[in-house]
């Protein structure tokens, strides 16, 4: 093999090896797996869906800003119960919803008796 041929073949060989290793080590952006085991997960939100794509549980921020919120939906995807903080403060709330998504009940710091020290 001449020097000129080496200058053509070897860079192409290393390029091919590099591309093969990159594809094997970097997962795709939309990775789908059945199980992930981790000691700690840090993310912006978590959405749990059923087999047909209906949103069952959503864990994220409060609507309109504020702290965290957990929303649990029924089998049709309509929001049924929500736990979280109020948008203006730290007060925890539990909201109950009807089939149309309208609030039917609310438990917050003003509706329950404060704990005694």
N, C-alpha and C. Protein backbone atom coordinates (compact mmCIF):
# COMPACT_ATOMS: atom_id res chain seq x y z
N UNK A 1 0.85 -1.16 0.00
CA UNK A 1 0.00 0.00 0.00
C UNK A 1 0.90 1.23 0.00
N UNK A 2 0.60 2.15 -0.85
CA UNK A 2 1.41 3.36 -0.95
C UNK A 2 1.01 4.35 0.15
N UNK A 3 1.87 5.33 0.33
CA UNK A 3 1.61 6.35 1.34
C UNK A 3 0.33 7.13 1.00
N UNK A 4 0.10 7.38 -0.24
CA UNK A 4 -1.09 8.11 -0.67
C UNK A 4 -2.36 7.32 -0.36
N UNK A 5 -2.32 6.00 -0.58
CA UNK A 5 -3.47 5.15 -0.26
C UNK A 5 -3.73 5.12 1.25
N UNK A 6 -2.65 5.07 2.04
CA UNK A 6 -2.80 5.08 3.50
C UNK A 6 -3.47 6.36 3.98
N UNK A 7 -3.11 7.51 3.39
CA UNK A 7 -3.71 8.78 3.77
C UNK A 7 -5.20 8.84 3.42
N UNK A 8 -5.67 7.99 2.57
CA UNK A 8 -7.09 7.93 2.21
C UNK A 8 -7.83 6.88 3.04
N UNK A 9 -7.25 5.70 3.17
CA UNK A 9 -7.94 4.58 3.80
C UNK A 9 -8.02 4.73 5.32
N UNK A 10 -6.91 5.06 6.00
CA UNK A 10 -6.92 5.09 7.45
C UNK A 10 -7.86 6.16 8.04
N UNK A 11 -7.90 7.38 7.53
CA UNK A 11 -8.89 8.33 8.08
C UNK A 11 -10.33 7.84 7.91
N UNK A 12 -10.64 7.23 6.78
CA UNK A 12 -11.99 6.69 6.58
C UNK A 12 -12.28 5.54 7.53
N UNK A 13 -11.27 4.71 7.80
CA UNK A 13 -11.43 3.61 8.75
C UNK A 13 -11.72 4.14 10.14
N UNK A 14 -10.95 5.14 10.61
CA UNK A 14 -11.19 5.71 11.94
C UNK A 14 -12.54 6.43 12.01
N UNK A 15 -12.95 7.07 10.93
CA UNK A 15 -14.26 7.72 10.90
C UNK A 15 -15.37 6.68 11.05
N UNK A 16 -15.27 5.57 10.35
CA UNK A 16 -16.27 4.52 10.43
C UNK A 16 -16.33 3.91 11.83
N UNK A 17 -15.17 3.67 12.44
CA UNK A 17 -15.13 3.12 13.80
C UNK A 17 -15.73 4.12 14.79
N UNK A 18 -15.39 5.39 14.64
CA UNK A 18 -15.92 6.42 15.53
C UNK A 18 -17.43 6.55 15.43
N UNK A 19 -17.98 6.52 14.22
CA UNK A 19 -19.42 6.61 14.06
C UNK A 19 -20.13 5.39 14.64
N UNK A 20 -19.53 4.22 14.51
CA UNK A 20 -20.11 3.01 15.07
C UNK A 20 -20.12 3.07 16.60
N UNK A 21 -19.03 3.55 17.21
CA UNK A 21 -18.97 3.66 18.66
C UNK A 21 -19.95 4.71 19.18
N UNK A 22 -20.07 5.81 18.46
CA UNK A 22 -21.00 6.88 18.87
C UNK A 22 -22.43 6.36 18.88
N UNK A 23 -22.82 5.63 17.87
CA UNK A 23 -24.18 5.09 17.80
C UNK A 23 -24.43 4.08 18.90
N UNK A 24 -23.40 3.36 19.32
CA UNK A 24 -23.57 2.34 20.36
C UNK A 24 -23.58 2.93 21.76
N UNK A 25 -22.95 4.08 21.98
CA UNK A 25 -22.83 4.62 23.34
C UNK A 25 -23.80 5.75 23.65
N UNK A 26 -24.31 6.46 22.67
CA UNK A 26 -25.22 7.57 22.92
C UNK A 26 -26.64 7.11 22.63
N UNK A 27 -27.53 7.10 23.64
CA UNK A 27 -28.90 6.65 23.41
C UNK A 27 -29.67 7.68 22.58
N UNK A 28 -30.70 7.26 21.89
CA UNK A 28 -31.51 8.22 21.12
C UNK A 28 -32.26 9.17 22.05
N UNK A 29 -32.72 10.29 21.52
CA UNK A 29 -33.39 11.31 22.33
C UNK A 29 -34.69 10.79 22.94
N UNK A 30 -35.47 10.04 22.19
CA UNK A 30 -36.73 9.48 22.70
C UNK A 30 -36.53 8.01 23.03
N UNK A 31 -35.84 7.76 24.11
CA UNK A 31 -35.51 6.40 24.51
C UNK A 31 -36.72 5.77 25.20
N UNK A 32 -37.09 4.56 24.81
CA UNK A 32 -38.18 3.84 25.44
C UNK A 32 -37.64 2.56 26.05
N UNK A 33 -37.88 2.40 27.37
CA UNK A 33 -37.46 1.20 28.08
C UNK A 33 -38.59 0.76 29.00
N UNK A 34 -38.56 -0.48 29.43
CA UNK A 34 -39.59 -0.99 30.34
C UNK A 34 -39.30 -0.63 31.78
N UNK A 35 -38.03 -0.70 32.19
CA UNK A 35 -37.67 -0.47 33.59
C UNK A 35 -36.40 0.36 33.67
N UNK A 36 -36.41 1.32 34.57
CA UNK A 36 -35.21 2.10 34.88
C UNK A 36 -35.03 2.04 36.39
N UNK A 37 -33.87 1.63 36.83
CA UNK A 37 -33.56 1.62 38.25
C UNK A 37 -32.54 2.71 38.52
N UNK A 38 -32.88 3.57 39.50
CA UNK A 38 -31.98 4.67 39.83
C UNK A 38 -32.13 5.01 41.30
N UNK A 39 -31.07 5.47 41.88
CA UNK A 39 -31.11 5.91 43.27
C UNK A 39 -31.78 7.26 43.42
N UNK A 40 -31.69 8.09 42.39
CA UNK A 40 -32.25 9.44 42.43
C UNK A 40 -32.59 9.87 41.02
N UNK A 41 -33.74 10.49 40.85
CA UNK A 41 -34.16 11.01 39.55
C UNK A 41 -34.45 12.49 39.71
N UNK A 42 -33.86 13.31 38.89
CA UNK A 42 -34.10 14.74 38.92
C UNK A 42 -34.67 15.12 37.56
N UNK A 43 -35.87 15.70 37.57
CA UNK A 43 -36.51 16.06 36.31
C UNK A 43 -37.48 17.21 36.53
N UNK A 44 -38.01 17.74 35.46
CA UNK A 44 -38.96 18.84 35.55
C UNK A 44 -40.36 18.39 35.85
N UNK A 45 -40.77 17.26 35.30
CA UNK A 45 -42.10 16.72 35.55
C UNK A 45 -42.13 15.25 35.20
N UNK A 46 -43.15 14.56 35.73
CA UNK A 46 -43.36 13.15 35.45
C UNK A 46 -44.81 12.99 35.01
N UNK A 47 -45.02 12.29 33.92
CA UNK A 47 -46.37 12.01 33.43
C UNK A 47 -46.51 10.50 33.28
N UNK A 48 -47.54 9.94 33.91
CA UNK A 48 -47.84 8.52 33.80
C UNK A 48 -49.06 8.38 32.91
N UNK A 49 -48.95 7.56 31.86
CA UNK A 49 -50.05 7.37 30.93
C UNK A 49 -50.45 5.90 30.87
N UNK A 50 -51.67 5.65 30.40
CA UNK A 50 -52.13 4.29 30.20
C UNK A 50 -51.66 3.80 28.84
N UNK A 51 -52.01 2.57 28.51
CA UNK A 51 -51.58 1.99 27.23
C UNK A 51 -52.09 2.78 26.03
N UNK A 52 -53.28 3.39 26.17
CA UNK A 52 -53.84 4.14 25.04
C UNK A 52 -53.42 5.61 25.02
N UNK A 53 -52.53 6.02 25.95
CA UNK A 53 -52.01 7.39 25.96
C UNK A 53 -52.75 8.35 26.87
N UNK A 54 -53.78 7.88 27.58
CA UNK A 54 -54.52 8.73 28.50
C UNK A 54 -53.66 9.09 29.70
N UNK A 55 -53.61 10.38 30.04
CA UNK A 55 -52.81 10.84 31.18
C UNK A 55 -53.50 10.43 32.47
N UNK A 56 -52.81 9.65 33.31
CA UNK A 56 -53.37 9.18 34.58
C UNK A 56 -52.84 9.97 35.77
N UNK A 57 -51.52 10.26 35.78
CA UNK A 57 -50.90 11.00 36.87
C UNK A 57 -49.94 12.02 36.27
N UNK A 58 -49.97 13.22 36.82
CA UNK A 58 -49.03 14.26 36.38
C UNK A 58 -48.41 14.87 37.64
N UNK A 59 -47.10 14.86 37.71
CA UNK A 59 -46.39 15.46 38.83
C UNK A 59 -45.55 16.60 38.26
N UNK A 60 -45.78 17.81 38.72
CA UNK A 60 -45.06 18.96 38.19
C UNK A 60 -45.36 20.21 38.99
N UNK A 61 -45.33 21.36 38.31
CA UNK A 61 -45.57 22.64 38.97
C UNK A 61 -47.06 22.94 39.05
N UNK A 62 -47.40 23.84 39.99
CA UNK A 62 -48.77 24.30 40.16
C UNK A 62 -49.17 25.10 38.93
N UNK A 63 -50.41 24.96 38.52
CA UNK A 63 -50.92 25.78 37.41
C UNK A 63 -50.82 27.24 37.81
N UNK A 64 -50.30 28.07 36.95
CA UNK A 64 -50.16 29.49 37.25
C UNK A 64 -48.97 29.83 38.12
N UNK A 65 -47.98 28.94 38.19
CA UNK A 65 -46.80 29.19 39.01
C UNK A 65 -46.94 28.56 40.38
N UNK A 66 -46.00 28.82 41.23
CA UNK A 66 -46.04 28.27 42.58
C UNK A 66 -45.19 27.02 42.71
N UNK A 67 -45.54 26.20 43.71
CA UNK A 67 -44.75 25.01 44.03
C UNK A 67 -45.19 23.78 43.26
N UNK A 68 -45.03 22.61 43.92
CA UNK A 68 -45.32 21.35 43.27
C UNK A 68 -46.78 20.95 43.34
N UNK A 69 -47.16 20.02 42.44
CA UNK A 69 -48.55 19.56 42.37
C UNK A 69 -48.58 18.14 41.83
N UNK A 70 -49.45 17.33 42.38
CA UNK A 70 -49.69 15.98 41.88
C UNK A 70 -51.15 15.91 41.45
N UNK A 71 -51.39 15.61 40.18
CA UNK A 71 -52.74 15.52 39.66
C UNK A 71 -53.02 14.06 39.30
N UNK A 72 -54.14 13.53 39.80
CA UNK A 72 -54.53 12.16 39.51
C UNK A 72 -55.83 12.21 38.71
N UNK A 73 -55.83 11.52 37.56
CA UNK A 73 -56.99 11.53 36.68
C UNK A 73 -57.69 10.18 36.71
N UNK A 74 -58.95 10.18 36.26
CA UNK A 74 -59.67 8.92 36.17
C UNK A 74 -59.30 8.21 34.87
N UNK A 75 -59.96 7.10 34.57
CA UNK A 75 -59.58 6.30 33.40
C UNK A 75 -59.81 7.01 32.08
N UNK A 76 -60.65 8.07 32.07
CA UNK A 76 -60.90 8.82 30.84
C UNK A 76 -59.93 9.97 30.66
N UNK A 77 -59.11 10.26 31.68
CA UNK A 77 -58.16 11.36 31.59
C UNK A 77 -58.65 12.63 32.25
N UNK A 78 -59.89 12.62 32.78
CA UNK A 78 -60.42 13.80 33.47
C UNK A 78 -59.80 13.88 34.86
N UNK A 79 -59.35 15.07 35.23
CA UNK A 79 -58.71 15.26 36.53
C UNK A 79 -59.70 14.96 37.64
N UNK A 80 -59.31 14.13 38.63
CA UNK A 80 -60.19 13.74 39.72
C UNK A 80 -59.74 14.35 41.05
N UNK A 81 -58.45 14.27 41.36
CA UNK A 81 -57.91 14.77 42.62
C UNK A 81 -56.58 15.45 42.34
N UNK A 82 -56.29 16.52 43.06
CA UNK A 82 -55.00 17.20 42.93
C UNK A 82 -54.49 17.56 44.31
N UNK A 83 -53.20 17.33 44.54
CA UNK A 83 -52.53 17.68 45.79
C UNK A 83 -51.43 18.67 45.44
N UNK A 84 -51.27 19.71 46.23
CA UNK A 84 -50.18 20.63 45.94
C UNK A 84 -50.21 21.84 46.83
N UNK A 85 -49.36 22.78 46.49
CA UNK A 85 -49.32 24.05 47.21
C UNK A 85 -50.13 25.07 46.44
N UNK A 86 -50.54 26.11 47.14
CA UNK A 86 -51.26 27.17 46.47
C UNK A 86 -50.33 27.99 45.60
N UNK A 87 -50.84 28.64 44.57
CA UNK A 87 -49.98 29.43 43.69
C UNK A 87 -49.35 30.63 44.37
N UNK A 88 -49.98 31.16 45.44
CA UNK A 88 -49.45 32.35 46.10
C UNK A 88 -48.56 32.05 47.30
N UNK A 89 -48.70 30.90 47.92
CA UNK A 89 -47.94 30.65 49.15
C UNK A 89 -47.55 29.20 49.32
N UNK A 90 -47.26 28.83 50.58
CA UNK A 90 -46.83 27.48 50.90
C UNK A 90 -47.98 26.59 51.32
N UNK A 91 -49.16 27.14 51.51
CA UNK A 91 -50.28 26.36 52.02
C UNK A 91 -50.60 25.19 51.10
N UNK A 92 -50.70 24.00 51.70
CA UNK A 92 -51.06 22.82 50.94
C UNK A 92 -52.55 22.76 50.67
N UNK A 93 -52.91 22.22 49.53
CA UNK A 93 -54.32 22.08 49.18
C UNK A 93 -54.58 20.70 48.59
N UNK A 94 -55.81 20.24 48.78
CA UNK A 94 -56.31 19.03 48.13
C UNK A 94 -57.58 19.46 47.41
N UNK A 95 -57.63 19.23 46.09
CA UNK A 95 -58.80 19.62 45.31
C UNK A 95 -59.47 18.38 44.75
N UNK A 96 -60.80 18.43 44.68
CA UNK A 96 -61.58 17.35 44.09
C UNK A 96 -62.34 17.91 42.89
N UNK A 97 -62.43 17.13 41.81
CA UNK A 97 -63.04 17.62 40.57
C UNK A 97 -64.16 16.70 40.12
N UNK A 98 -65.14 17.27 39.42
CA UNK A 98 -66.19 16.45 38.83
C UNK A 98 -65.77 16.02 37.42
N UNK A 99 -66.67 15.35 36.70
CA UNK A 99 -66.34 14.82 35.37
C UNK A 99 -66.04 15.92 34.35
N UNK A 100 -66.55 17.13 34.61
CA UNK A 100 -66.30 18.25 33.69
C UNK A 100 -65.04 19.02 34.02
N UNK A 101 -64.32 18.62 35.08
CA UNK A 101 -63.10 19.30 35.47
C UNK A 101 -63.31 20.48 36.38
N UNK A 102 -64.54 20.67 36.88
CA UNK A 102 -64.84 21.78 37.78
C UNK A 102 -64.56 21.34 39.22
N UNK A 103 -64.02 22.25 40.02
CA UNK A 103 -63.71 21.94 41.42
C UNK A 103 -65.00 21.71 42.19
N UNK A 104 -65.09 20.54 42.85
CA UNK A 104 -66.26 20.23 43.67
C UNK A 104 -65.95 20.32 45.16
N UNK A 105 -64.70 20.25 45.52
CA UNK A 105 -64.31 20.33 46.91
C UNK A 105 -62.88 20.78 47.04
N UNK A 106 -62.57 21.39 48.19
CA UNK A 106 -61.23 21.91 48.41
C UNK A 106 -60.91 21.79 49.89
N UNK A 107 -59.76 21.23 50.19
CA UNK A 107 -59.26 21.20 51.57
C UNK A 107 -57.97 21.99 51.55
N UNK A 108 -57.91 23.04 52.39
CA UNK A 108 -56.68 23.83 52.48
C UNK A 108 -56.46 24.22 53.93
N UNK A 109 -55.50 25.08 54.18
CA UNK A 109 -55.12 25.45 55.54
C UNK A 109 -56.25 26.16 56.28
N UNK A 110 -57.17 26.78 55.57
CA UNK A 110 -58.27 27.49 56.23
C UNK A 110 -59.41 26.56 56.62
N UNK A 111 -59.50 25.37 56.05
CA UNK A 111 -60.62 24.47 56.32
C UNK A 111 -60.31 23.41 57.35
N UNK A 112 -59.05 23.28 57.77
CA UNK A 112 -58.71 22.29 58.79
C UNK A 112 -58.10 22.99 60.00
N UNK A 113 -58.22 22.35 61.13
CA UNK A 113 -57.71 22.93 62.37
C UNK A 113 -56.19 22.81 62.43
N UNK A 114 -55.48 23.89 62.77
CA UNK A 114 -54.01 23.82 62.85
C UNK A 114 -53.55 22.83 63.91
N UNK A 115 -52.40 22.24 63.71
CA UNK A 115 -51.82 21.30 64.67
C UNK A 115 -51.37 22.03 65.91
N UNK A 116 -51.55 21.38 67.04
CA UNK A 116 -51.10 21.96 68.32
C UNK A 116 -49.61 21.63 68.53
N UNK A 117 -48.83 22.64 68.98
CA UNK A 117 -47.39 22.37 69.19
C UNK A 117 -47.11 21.47 70.36
